[in-house]
Amino acid sequence: MAILFEKNFEDGNLEGWRINGLTPTVTSEILARVGTKCMKSHLLAGETRSEVRMPGLLNAVGNEYWYGFSVYLPEPFETNSAWEHVANWHGYPDFGIGEGYFGQGAPLQISTAHPQTAPGWSVRVRWDSKPNSTPGGVPDIEGQAFYEFGTYETDVWTDWVFHIKWEYDETGLLVIWKNGDKVLTRNGPNCYNDEFGPYFKMGIYRAGRSAGAARTIYHDEFKMADADSIYEDVAPGGKPPEPEPKPPVSRTANIIINIPATQVPVTITSENHD
């Protein structure tokens, strides 16, 4: 097992991250997930992005990783009228063959709002096996899927763990835990056919047409680990996952079921991500 990147903000800075948009801050104004400090992303009315991203680029396609982090949505938290993402794994176009950032969007993202899902937590997966996903400067990907994870709670930390084998074919794997409960196991493509990426980003990123109100979100306890790792290696606080429900042993046994993600029908649209 190897931790590839880790940041809990207890050192009081964003050292090790790169910045996209407005620079987040490190704060102790709320109770951190672990320790005393966490990252704060804040946008004023009309502003669209305040994120950190991992440094450098990985040849992630074909490889397997574990990721863990925690998100805090302060009350009041009104649902965005368009899309709003709190974390994403972004592709890196193969510029040498004419690809670019032409609205193909991130291969994987977690959102608090999107026009194609109900209000609440959702994850979108996009994929394309073609070497060039933006021929002629126009996004042309093979597919996408949305998964809903129910309404969100405010003024509490929500823990997320992702186990991902990045592939643009049917050998890909995506497993997601929310607060220790496994909510999705998906086999199939989950990225683009790129030399580099996907790389991780977290903070706030929202559609310009819906950026009419101020927004604050907090993040903490990010870890990324290699394929030989397990859930506890990256889980915020190091807590093991909740046990999965077992079948009843008698007719009078109580059945406890963790509600899985709901997949929803989608329409492929473009977004100006980078």
C-alpha atoms as a PDB file:
ATOM      1  CA  MET A   1       0.000   0.000   0.000  1.00  0.00           C
ATOM      2  CA  ALA A   2       1.210   3.488  -0.828  1.00  0.00           C
ATOM      3  CA  ILE A   3      -0.406   6.865  -0.168  1.00  0.00           C
ATOM      4  CA  LEU A   4       0.261   8.870  -3.338  1.00  0.00           C
ATOM      5  CA  PHE A   5      -1.068  12.228  -2.145  1.00  0.00           C
ATOM      6  CA  GLU A   6      -2.501  13.404   1.172  1.00  0.00           C
ATOM      7  CA  LYS A   7      -3.720  16.723   2.529  1.00  0.00           C
ATOM      8  CA  ASN A   8      -5.633  17.419   5.748  1.00  0.00           C
ATOM      9  CA  PHE A   9      -4.818  21.173   5.943  1.00  0.00           C
ATOM     10  CA  GLU A  10      -3.480  21.000   9.509  1.00  0.00           C
ATOM     11  CA  ASP A  11      -0.345  22.803   8.302  1.00  0.00           C
ATOM     12  CA  GLY A  12      -2.538  25.818   7.530  1.00  0.00           C
ATOM     13  CA  ASN A  13      -1.787  26.116   3.810  1.00  0.00           C
ATOM     14  CA  LEU A  14      -2.559  24.720   0.351  1.00  0.00           C
ATOM     15  CA  GLU A  15       0.991  23.584  -0.332  1.00  0.00           C
ATOM     16  CA  GLY A  16       1.102  20.742  -2.850  1.00  0.00           C
ATOM     17  CA  TRP A  17      -2.060  21.790  -4.698  1.00  0.00           C
ATOM     18  CA  ARG A  18      -2.490  23.853  -7.845  1.00  0.00           C
ATOM     19  CA  ILE A  19      -5.247  26.471  -7.999  1.00  0.00           C
ATOM     20  CA  ASN A  20      -8.088  26.728 -10.533  1.00  0.00           C
ATOM     21  CA  GLY A  21     -10.058  29.960 -10.320  1.00  0.00           C
ATOM     22  CA  LEU A  22     -10.213  31.821  -7.016  1.00  0.00           C
ATOM     23  CA  THR A  23      -7.868  30.570  -4.310  1.00  0.00           C
ATOM     24  CA  PRO A  24      -9.562  28.670  -1.451  1.00  0.00           C
ATOM     25  CA  THR A  25      -8.443  29.377   2.107  1.00  0.00           C
ATOM     26  CA  VAL A  26      -7.595  27.228   5.122  1.00  0.00           C
ATOM     27  CA  THR A  27      -9.840  27.886   8.101  1.00  0.00           C
ATOM     28  CA  SER A  28     -10.778  26.773  11.597  1.00  0.00           C
ATOM     29  CA  GLU A  29     -14.124  28.612  11.601  1.00  0.00           C
ATOM     30  CA  ILE A  30     -16.026  25.303  11.622  1.00  0.00           C
ATOM     31  CA  LEU A  31     -15.239  21.964  13.255  1.00  0.00           C
ATOM     32  CA  ALA A  32     -12.890  20.208  10.833  1.00  0.00           C
ATOM     33  CA  ARG A  33     -13.497  16.588   9.843  1.00  0.00           C
ATOM     34  CA  VAL A  34     -10.257  15.651  11.618  1.00  0.00           C
ATOM     35  CA  GLY A  35      -8.045  18.036  13.569  1.00  0.00           C
ATOM     36  CA  THR A  36      -8.777  21.764  13.649  1.00  0.00           C
ATOM     37  CA  LYS A  37      -8.420  23.036  10.053  1.00  0.00           C
ATOM     38  CA  CYS A  38     -10.097  22.441   6.690  1.00  0.00           C
ATOM     39  CA  MET A  39     -10.285  24.037   3.237  1.00  0.00           C
ATOM     40  CA  LYS A  40     -12.886  26.716   2.526  1.00  0.00           C
ATOM     41  CA  SER A  41     -14.050  27.582  -1.005  1.00  0.00           C
ATOM     42  CA  HIS A  42     -16.123  30.757  -1.272  1.00  0.00           C
ATOM     43  CA  LEU A  43     -17.742  32.420  -4.278  1.00  0.00           C
ATOM     44  CA  LEU A  44     -19.528  35.756  -4.424  1.00  0.00           C
ATOM     45  CA  ALA A  45     -22.500  36.411  -6.679  1.00  0.00           C
ATOM     46  CA  GLY A  46     -21.478  35.938 -10.301  1.00  0.00           C
ATOM     47  CA  GLU A  47     -18.303  33.991  -9.534  1.00  0.00           C
ATOM     48  CA  THR A  48     -18.015  30.434 -10.833  1.00  0.00           C
ATOM     49  CA  ARG A  49     -14.904  28.626  -9.630  1.00  0.00           C
ATOM     50  CA  SER A  50     -12.719  28.126  -6.550  1.00  0.00           C
ATOM     51  CA  GLU A  51     -10.864  24.806  -6.706  1.00  0.00           C
ATOM     52  CA  VAL A  52      -7.632  23.026  -5.961  1.00  0.00           C
ATOM     53  CA  ARG A  53      -6.236  20.316  -8.210  1.00  0.00           C
ATOM     54  CA  MET A  54      -3.550  17.705  -7.782  1.00  0.00           C
ATOM     55  CA  PRO A  55      -0.093  18.673  -9.037  1.00  0.00           C
ATOM     56  CA  GLY A  56       1.352  17.029 -12.126  1.00  0.00           C
ATOM     57  CA  LEU A  57      -0.283  14.534 -14.448  1.00  0.00           C
ATOM     58  CA  LEU A  58      -0.678  10.781 -14.128  1.00  0.00           C
ATOM     59  CA  ASN A  59      -0.915   8.122 -16.809  1.00  0.00           C
ATOM     60  CA  ALA A  60      -4.025   7.045 -14.931  1.00  0.00           C
ATOM     61  CA  VAL A  61      -5.827   5.165 -17.722  1.00  0.00           C
ATOM     62  CA  GLY A  62      -5.365   1.439 -17.190  1.00  0.00           C
ATOM     63  CA  ASN A  63      -4.458   1.912 -13.534  1.00  0.00           C
ATOM     64  CA  GLU A  64      -6.356   1.550 -10.273  1.00  0.00           C
ATOM     65  CA  TYR A  65      -6.576   4.008  -7.383  1.00  0.00           C
ATOM     66  CA  TRP A  66      -8.403   4.784  -4.143  1.00  0.00           C
ATOM     67  CA  TYR A  67      -9.567   8.296  -3.225  1.00  0.00           C
ATOM     68  CA  GLY A  68     -11.143   9.644  -0.041  1.00  0.00           C
ATOM     69  CA  PHE A  69     -12.320  13.094   1.061  1.00  0.00           C
ATOM     70  CA  SER A  70     -15.040  14.820   3.071  1.00  0.00           C
ATOM     71  CA  VAL A  71     -17.408  17.677   2.131  1.00  0.00           C
ATOM     72  CA  TYR A  72     -19.324  20.071   4.416  1.00  0.00           C
ATOM     73  CA  LEU A  73     -22.335  22.023   3.129  1.00  0.00           C
ATOM     74  CA  PRO A  74     -23.221  24.851   5.552  1.00  0.00           C
ATOM     75  CA  GLU A  75     -26.800  25.824   6.319  1.00  0.00           C
ATOM     76  CA  PRO A  76     -28.568  27.473   4.549  1.00  0.00           C
ATOM     77  CA  PHE A  77     -27.685  25.624   1.353  1.00  0.00           C
ATOM     78  CA  GLU A  78     -30.029  26.343  -1.530  1.00  0.00           C
ATOM     79  CA  THR A  79     -29.919  24.024  -4.520  1.00  0.00           C
ATOM     80  CA  ASN A  80     -28.292  25.583  -7.559  1.00  0.00           C
ATOM     81  CA  SER A  81     -30.553  26.201 -10.548  1.00  0.00           C
ATOM     82  CA  ALA A  82     -28.012  24.606 -12.922  1.00  0.00           C
ATOM     83  CA  TRP A  83     -24.974  22.376 -12.360  1.00  0.00           C
ATOM     84  CA  GLU A  84     -22.647  22.733  -9.401  1.00  0.00           C
ATOM     85  CA  HIS A  85     -19.743  20.364  -8.673  1.00  0.00           C
ATOM     86  CA  VAL A  86     -17.826  19.858  -5.428  1.00  0.00           C
ATOM     87  CA  ALA A  87     -15.233  17.424  -6.808  1.00  0.00           C
ATOM     88  CA  ASN A  88     -14.271  16.004 -10.182  1.00  0.00           C
ATOM     89  CA  TRP A  89     -11.676  13.932 -11.971  1.00  0.00           C
ATOM     90  CA  HIS A  90     -10.815  15.839 -15.103  1.00  0.00           C
ATOM     91  CA  GLY A  91      -9.398  14.583 -18.360  1.00  0.00           C
ATOM     92  CA  TYR A  92      -6.322  16.081 -19.990  1.00  0.00           C
ATOM     93  CA  PRO A  93      -6.799  16.440 -23.763  1.00  0.00           C
ATOM     94  CA  ASP A  94      -4.230  15.092 -26.215  1.00  0.00           C
ATOM     95  CA  PHE A  95      -3.460  18.489 -27.724  1.00  0.00           C
ATOM     96  CA  GLY A  96      -1.032  16.977 -30.231  1.00  0.00           C
ATOM     97  CA  ILE A  97      -3.876  15.325 -32.161  1.00  0.00           C
ATOM     98  CA  GLY A  98      -6.204  18.319 -32.051  1.00  0.00           C
ATOM     99  CA  GLU A  99      -8.087  17.690 -28.823  1.00  0.00           C
ATOM    100  CA  GLY A 100      -8.826  20.562 -26.474  1.00  0.00           C
ATOM    101  CA  TYR A 101     -11.172  21.799 -23.770  1.00  0.00           C
ATOM    102  CA  PHE A 102     -14.227  22.083 -25.988  1.00  0.00           C
ATOM    103  CA  GLY A 103     -17.039  21.249 -23.567  1.00  0.00           C
ATOM    104  CA  GLN A 104     -16.611  17.482 -23.247  1.00  0.00           C
ATOM    105  CA  GLY A 105     -16.658  17.856 -19.459  1.00  0.00           C
ATOM    106  CA  ALA A 106     -14.974  15.797 -16.784  1.00  0.00           C
ATOM    107  CA  PRO A 107     -15.095  11.981 -17.012  1.00  0.00           C
ATOM    108  CA  LEU A 108     -16.224  11.794 -13.367  1.00  0.00           C
ATOM    109  CA  GLN A 109     -17.746  14.380 -11.073  1.00  0.00           C
ATOM    110  CA  ILE A 110     -19.771  14.641  -7.880  1.00  0.00           C
ATOM    111  CA  SER A 111     -22.411  17.348  -7.762  1.00  0.00           C
ATOM    112  CA  THR A 112     -24.953  18.981  -5.491  1.00  0.00           C
ATOM    113  CA  ALA A 113     -27.038  20.041  -8.483  1.00  0.00           C
ATOM    114  CA  HIS A 114     -27.471  19.206 -12.145  1.00  0.00           C
ATOM    115  CA  PRO A 115     -30.388  19.861 -14.538  1.00  0.00           C
ATOM    116  CA  GLN A 116     -30.627  16.141 -15.383  1.00  0.00           C
ATOM    117  CA  THR A 117     -30.928  14.909 -11.779  1.00  0.00           C
ATOM    118  CA  ALA A 118     -33.114  15.490  -8.746  1.00  0.00           C
ATOM    119  CA  PRO A 119     -31.794  18.000  -6.171  1.00  0.00           C
ATOM    120  CA  GLY A 120     -29.173  16.332  -3.994  1.00  0.00           C
ATOM    121  CA  TRP A 121     -25.969  14.350  -4.408  1.00  0.00           C
ATOM    122  CA  SER A 122     -25.249  12.898  -7.834  1.00  0.00           C
ATOM    123  CA  VAL A 123     -22.332  11.480  -9.789  1.00  0.00           C
ATOM    124  CA  ARG A 124     -21.882  11.700 -13.540  1.00  0.00           C
ATOM    125  CA  VAL A 125     -19.638   9.329 -15.507  1.00  0.00           C
ATOM    126  CA  ARG A 126     -18.562  10.082 -19.087  1.00  0.00           C
ATOM    127  CA  TRP A 127     -16.481   7.973 -21.443  1.00  0.00           C
ATOM    128  CA  ASP A 128     -15.090   7.739 -24.946  1.00  0.00           C
ATOM    129  CA  SER A 129     -12.780   5.127 -26.478  1.00  0.00           C
ATOM    130  CA  LYS A 130     -11.905   7.241 -29.526  1.00  0.00           C
ATOM    131  CA  PRO A 131      -8.445   8.869 -29.445  1.00  0.00           C
ATOM    132  CA  ASN A 132      -9.950  12.278 -30.245  1.00  0.00           C
ATOM    133  CA  SER A 133     -13.075  13.200 -28.261  1.00  0.00           C
ATOM    134  CA  THR A 134     -13.326  16.712 -29.735  1.00  0.00           C
ATOM    135  CA  PRO A 135     -12.902  16.389 -33.525  1.00  0.00           C
ATOM    136  CA  GLY A 136     -13.056  19.763 -35.207  1.00  0.00           C
ATOM    137  CA  GLY A 137     -13.411  21.449 -31.825  1.00  0.00           C
ATOM    138  CA  VAL A 138     -16.778  19.799 -31.135  1.00  0.00           C
ATOM    139  CA  PRO A 139     -17.320  17.370 -28.207  1.00  0.00           C
ATOM    140  CA  ASP A 140     -18.202  13.885 -29.452  1.00  0.00           C
ATOM    141  CA  ILE A 141     -18.164  11.300 -26.665  1.00  0.00           C
ATOM    142  CA  GLU A 142     -19.667   7.822 -26.657  1.00  0.00           C
ATOM    143  CA  GLY A 143     -21.708   7.944 -23.487  1.00  0.00           C
ATOM    144  CA  GLN A 144     -22.517   9.159 -20.026  1.00  0.00           C
ATOM    145  CA  ALA A 145     -24.510   8.034 -16.998  1.00  0.00           C
ATOM    146  CA  PHE A 146     -25.898   9.787 -13.926  1.00  0.00           C
ATOM    147  CA  TYR A 147     -26.379   8.223 -10.495  1.00  0.00           C
ATOM    148  CA  GLU A 148     -28.358   9.856  -7.680  1.00  0.00           C
ATOM    149  CA  PHE A 149     -27.486   9.419  -3.991  1.00  0.00           C
ATOM    150  CA  GLY A 150     -30.365  11.199  -2.286  1.00  0.00           C
ATOM    151  CA  THR A 151     -30.724  14.526  -0.540  1.00  0.00           C
ATOM    152  CA  TYR A 152     -27.802  16.057   1.285  1.00  0.00           C
ATOM    153  CA  GLU A 153     -27.500  17.000   4.938  1.00  0.00           C
ATOM    154  CA  THR A 154     -26.212  20.422   5.938  1.00  0.00           C
ATOM    155  CA  ASP A 155     -23.881  21.424   8.781  1.00  0.00           C
ATOM    156  CA  VAL A 156     -22.340  17.938   8.852  1.00  0.00           C
ATOM    157  CA  TRP A 157     -19.399  16.297   7.095  1.00  0.00           C
ATOM    158  CA  THR A 158     -20.251  13.832   4.317  1.00  0.00           C
ATOM    159  CA  ASP A 159     -17.496  11.275   3.710  1.00  0.00           C
ATOM    160  CA  TRP A 160     -16.782   9.914   0.237  1.00  0.00           C
ATOM    161  CA  VAL A 161     -14.538   7.039  -0.852  1.00  0.00           C
ATOM    162  CA  PHE A 162     -14.003   6.125  -4.520  1.00  0.00           C
ATOM    163  CA  HIS A 163     -12.283   2.961  -5.758  1.00  0.00           C
ATOM    164  CA  ILE A 164     -11.599   3.404  -9.470  1.00  0.00           C
ATOM    165  CA  LYS A 165      -9.948   1.412 -12.218  1.00  0.00           C
ATOM    166  CA  TRP A 166      -9.691   3.935 -15.018  1.00  0.00           C
ATOM    167  CA  GLU A 167     -10.606   2.386 -18.378  1.00  0.00           C
ATOM    168  CA  TYR A 168     -12.437   3.550 -21.485  1.00  0.00           C
ATOM    169  CA  ASP A 169     -13.765   0.034 -22.150  1.00  0.00           C
ATOM    170  CA  GLU A 170     -15.810  -2.559 -20.269  1.00  0.00           C
ATOM    171  CA  THR A 171     -12.930  -3.451 -17.914  1.00  0.00           C
ATOM    172  CA  GLY A 172     -13.347  -0.223 -15.933  1.00  0.00           C
ATOM    173  CA  LEU A 173     -14.514  -0.223 -12.315  1.00  0.00           C
ATOM    174  CA  LEU A 174     -16.142   2.422 -10.126  1.00  0.00           C
ATOM    175  CA  VAL A 175     -17.131   1.720  -6.512  1.00  0.00           C
ATOM    176  CA  ILE A 176     -18.443   4.520  -4.281  1.00  0.00           C
ATOM    177  CA  TRP A 177     -19.067   4.693  -0.537  1.00  0.00           C
ATOM    178  CA  LYS A 178     -20.999   7.526   1.128  1.00  0.00           C
ATOM    179  CA  ASN A 179     -20.544   7.816   4.892  1.00  0.00           C
ATOM    180  CA  GLY A 180     -19.268   4.248   4.985  1.00  0.00           C
ATOM    181  CA  ASP A 181     -22.166   2.742   3.014  1.00  0.00           C
ATOM    182  CA  LYS A 182     -21.465   1.298  -0.415  1.00  0.00           C
ATOM    183  CA  VAL A 183     -23.840   3.130  -2.753  1.00  0.00           C
ATOM    184  CA  LEU A 184     -22.562   2.174  -6.213  1.00  0.00           C
ATOM    185  CA  THR A 185     -20.658  -0.613  -7.939  1.00  0.00           C
ATOM    186  CA  ARG A 186     -20.317   0.028 -11.648  1.00  0.00           C
ATOM    187  CA  ASN A 187     -18.414  -2.068 -14.175  1.00  0.00           C
ATOM    188  CA  GLY A 188     -17.711  -0.418 -17.499  1.00  0.00           C
ATOM    189  CA  PRO A 189     -16.004   2.574 -19.123  1.00  0.00           C
ATOM    190  CA  ASN A 190     -15.360   5.640 -16.970  1.00  0.00           C
ATOM    191  CA  CYS A 191     -12.852   7.910 -18.766  1.00  0.00           C
ATOM    192  CA  TYR A 192     -11.534   9.178 -22.097  1.00  0.00           C
ATOM    193  CA  ASN A 193      -8.813   7.678 -24.286  1.00  0.00           C
ATOM    194  CA  ASP A 194      -6.140  10.186 -23.239  1.00  0.00           C
ATOM    195  CA  GLU A 195      -2.429   9.830 -22.550  1.00  0.00           C
ATOM    196  CA  PHE A 196      -2.682  11.698 -19.228  1.00  0.00           C
ATOM    197  CA  GLY A 197      -5.357  12.039 -16.549  1.00  0.00           C
ATOM    198  CA  PRO A 198      -7.861  11.909 -15.097  1.00  0.00           C
ATOM    199  CA  TYR A 199      -6.593  14.177 -12.313  1.00  0.00           C
ATOM    200  CA  PHE A 200      -8.484  15.112  -9.134  1.00  0.00           C
ATOM    201  CA  LYS A 201      -9.963  18.527  -8.283  1.00  0.00           C
ATOM    202  CA  MET A 202     -12.134  19.728  -5.393  1.00  0.00           C
ATOM    203  CA  GLY A 203     -13.814  22.968  -4.361  1.00  0.00           C
ATOM    204  CA  ILE A 204     -16.732  24.718  -6.065  1.00  0.00           C
ATOM    205  CA  TYR A 205     -17.344  24.884  -9.797  1.00  0.00           C
ATOM    206  CA  ARG A 206     -20.734  26.044 -11.070  1.00  0.00           C
ATOM    207  CA  ALA A 207     -22.426  27.175 -14.259  1.00  0.00           C
ATOM    208  CA  GLY A 208     -22.054  30.857 -15.010  1.00  0.00           C
ATOM    209  CA  ARG A 209     -25.747  31.218 -15.752  1.00  0.00           C
ATOM    210  CA  SER A 210     -26.603  30.135 -12.188  1.00  0.00           C
ATOM    211  CA  ALA A 211     -23.873  32.008 -10.318  1.00  0.00           C
ATOM    212  CA  GLY A 212     -26.220  34.587  -8.841  1.00  0.00           C
ATOM    213  CA  ALA A 213     -25.710  33.925  -5.117  1.00  0.00           C
ATOM    214  CA  ALA A 214     -22.760  33.607  -2.780  1.00  0.00           C
ATOM    215  CA  ARG A 215     -21.672  30.052  -1.950  1.00  0.00           C
ATOM    216  CA  THR A 216     -19.372  28.492   0.651  1.00  0.00           C
ATOM    217  CA  ILE A 217     -18.304  24.827   0.825  1.00  0.00           C
ATOM    218  CA  TYR A 218     -15.655  23.120   2.968  1.00  0.00           C
ATOM    219  CA  HIS A 219     -13.402  20.132   2.172  1.00  0.00           C
ATOM    220  CA  ASP A 220     -11.093  18.047   4.339  1.00  0.00           C
ATOM    221  CA  GLU A 221      -9.110  14.812   4.638  1.00  0.00           C
ATOM    222  CA  PHE A 222      -8.134  14.140   1.016  1.00  0.00           C
ATOM    223  CA  LYS A 223      -6.108  11.010   0.340  1.00  0.00           C
ATOM    224  CA  MET A 224      -5.192   9.142  -2.834  1.00  0.00           C
ATOM    225  CA  ALA A 225      -3.681   5.657  -2.680  1.00  0.00           C
ATOM    226  CA  ASP A 226      -2.526   2.955  -5.077  1.00  0.00           C
ATOM    227  CA  ALA A 227      -4.207  -0.273  -6.186  1.00  0.00           C
ATOM    228  CA  ASP A 228      -2.832  -2.303  -3.253  1.00  0.00           C
ATOM    229  CA  SER A 229      -4.724  -0.153  -0.752  1.00  0.00           C
ATOM    230  CA  ILE A 230      -8.042  -0.747   1.015  1.00  0.00           C
ATOM    231  CA  TYR A 231     -10.965   1.404   2.087  1.00  0.00           C
ATOM    232  CA  GLU A 232      -9.527   2.333   5.491  1.00  0.00           C
ATOM    233  CA  ASP A 233      -6.334   3.692   3.932  1.00  0.00           C
ATOM    234  CA  VAL A 234      -8.159   6.659   2.385  1.00  0.00           C
ATOM    235  CA  ALA A 235     -11.414   6.942   4.368  1.00  0.00           C
ATOM    236  CA  PRO A 236     -11.749  10.219   6.298  1.00  0.00           C
ATOM    237  CA  GLY A 237     -10.887   9.408   9.893  1.00  0.00           C
ATOM    238  CA  GLY A 238      -9.660   5.939   8.891  1.00  0.00           C
ATOM    239  CA  LYS A 239     -12.956   4.321   9.853  1.00  0.00           C
ATOM    240  CA  PRO A 240     -13.782   0.974   8.131  1.00  0.00           C
ATOM    241  CA  PRO A 241     -16.843   0.738   5.862  1.00  0.00           C
ATOM    242  CA  GLU A 242     -20.221  -0.298   7.185  1.00  0.00           C
ATOM    243  CA  PRO A 243     -20.934  -4.037   6.783  1.00  0.00           C
ATOM    244  CA  GLU A 244     -23.077  -4.878   3.796  1.00  0.00           C
ATOM    245  CA  PRO A 245     -26.523  -6.324   4.607  1.00  0.00           C
ATOM    246  CA  LYS A 246     -26.773 -10.098   4.840  1.00  0.00           C
ATOM    247  CA  PRO A 247     -29.765 -12.179   3.697  1.00  0.00           C
ATOM    248  CA  PRO A 248     -32.301 -13.016   6.432  1.00  0.00           C
ATOM    249  CA  VAL A 249     -31.781 -16.269   8.338  1.00  0.00           C
ATOM    250  CA  SER A 250     -35.452 -16.740   9.258  1.00  0.00           C
ATOM    251  CA  ARG A 251     -38.882 -15.542   8.244  1.00  0.00           C
ATOM    252  CA  THR A 252     -38.962 -13.165  11.206  1.00  0.00           C
ATOM    253  CA  ALA A 253     -35.544 -11.591  10.601  1.00  0.00           C
ATOM    254  CA  ASN A 254     -35.383  -7.843  10.046  1.00  0.00           C
ATOM    255  CA  ILE A 255     -33.968  -6.854   6.667  1.00  0.00           C
ATOM    256  CA  ILE A 256     -31.774  -3.755   6.565  1.00  0.00           C
ATOM    257  CA  ILE A 257     -31.097  -2.445   3.073  1.00  0.00           C
ATOM    258  CA  ASN A 258     -28.759   0.376   2.113  1.00  0.00           C
ATOM    259  CA  ILE A 259     -30.521   2.197  -0.703  1.00  0.00           C
ATOM    260  CA  PRO A 260     -28.217   2.090  -3.745  1.00  0.00           C
ATOM    261  CA  ALA A 261     -27.688   4.836  -6.228  1.00  0.00           C
ATOM    262  CA  THR A 262     -30.470   5.500  -8.704  1.00  0.00           C
ATOM    263  CA  GLN A 263     -29.423   5.670 -12.351  1.00  0.00           C
ATOM    264  CA  VAL A 264     -31.317   8.263 -14.351  1.00  0.00           C
ATOM    265  CA  PRO A 265     -31.757   8.743 -18.116  1.00  0.00           C
ATOM    266  CA  VAL A 266     -29.506  11.437 -19.530  1.00  0.00           C
ATOM    267  CA  THR A 267     -28.946  13.682 -22.502  1.00  0.00           C
ATOM    268  CA  ILE A 268     -25.345  14.435 -23.453  1.00  0.00           C
ATOM    269  CA  THR A 269     -24.597  18.144 -23.239  1.00  0.00           C
ATOM    270  CA  SER A 270     -21.387  20.147 -23.286  1.00  0.00           C
ATOM    271  CA  GLU A 271     -19.770  21.977 -20.380  1.00  0.00           C
ATOM    272  CA  ASN A 272     -16.759  24.274 -20.435  1.00  0.00           C
ATOM    273  CA  HIS A 273     -14.553  22.389 -17.979  1.00  0.00           C
ATOM    274  CA  ASP A 274     -10.797  22.626 -17.648  1.00  0.00           C
END
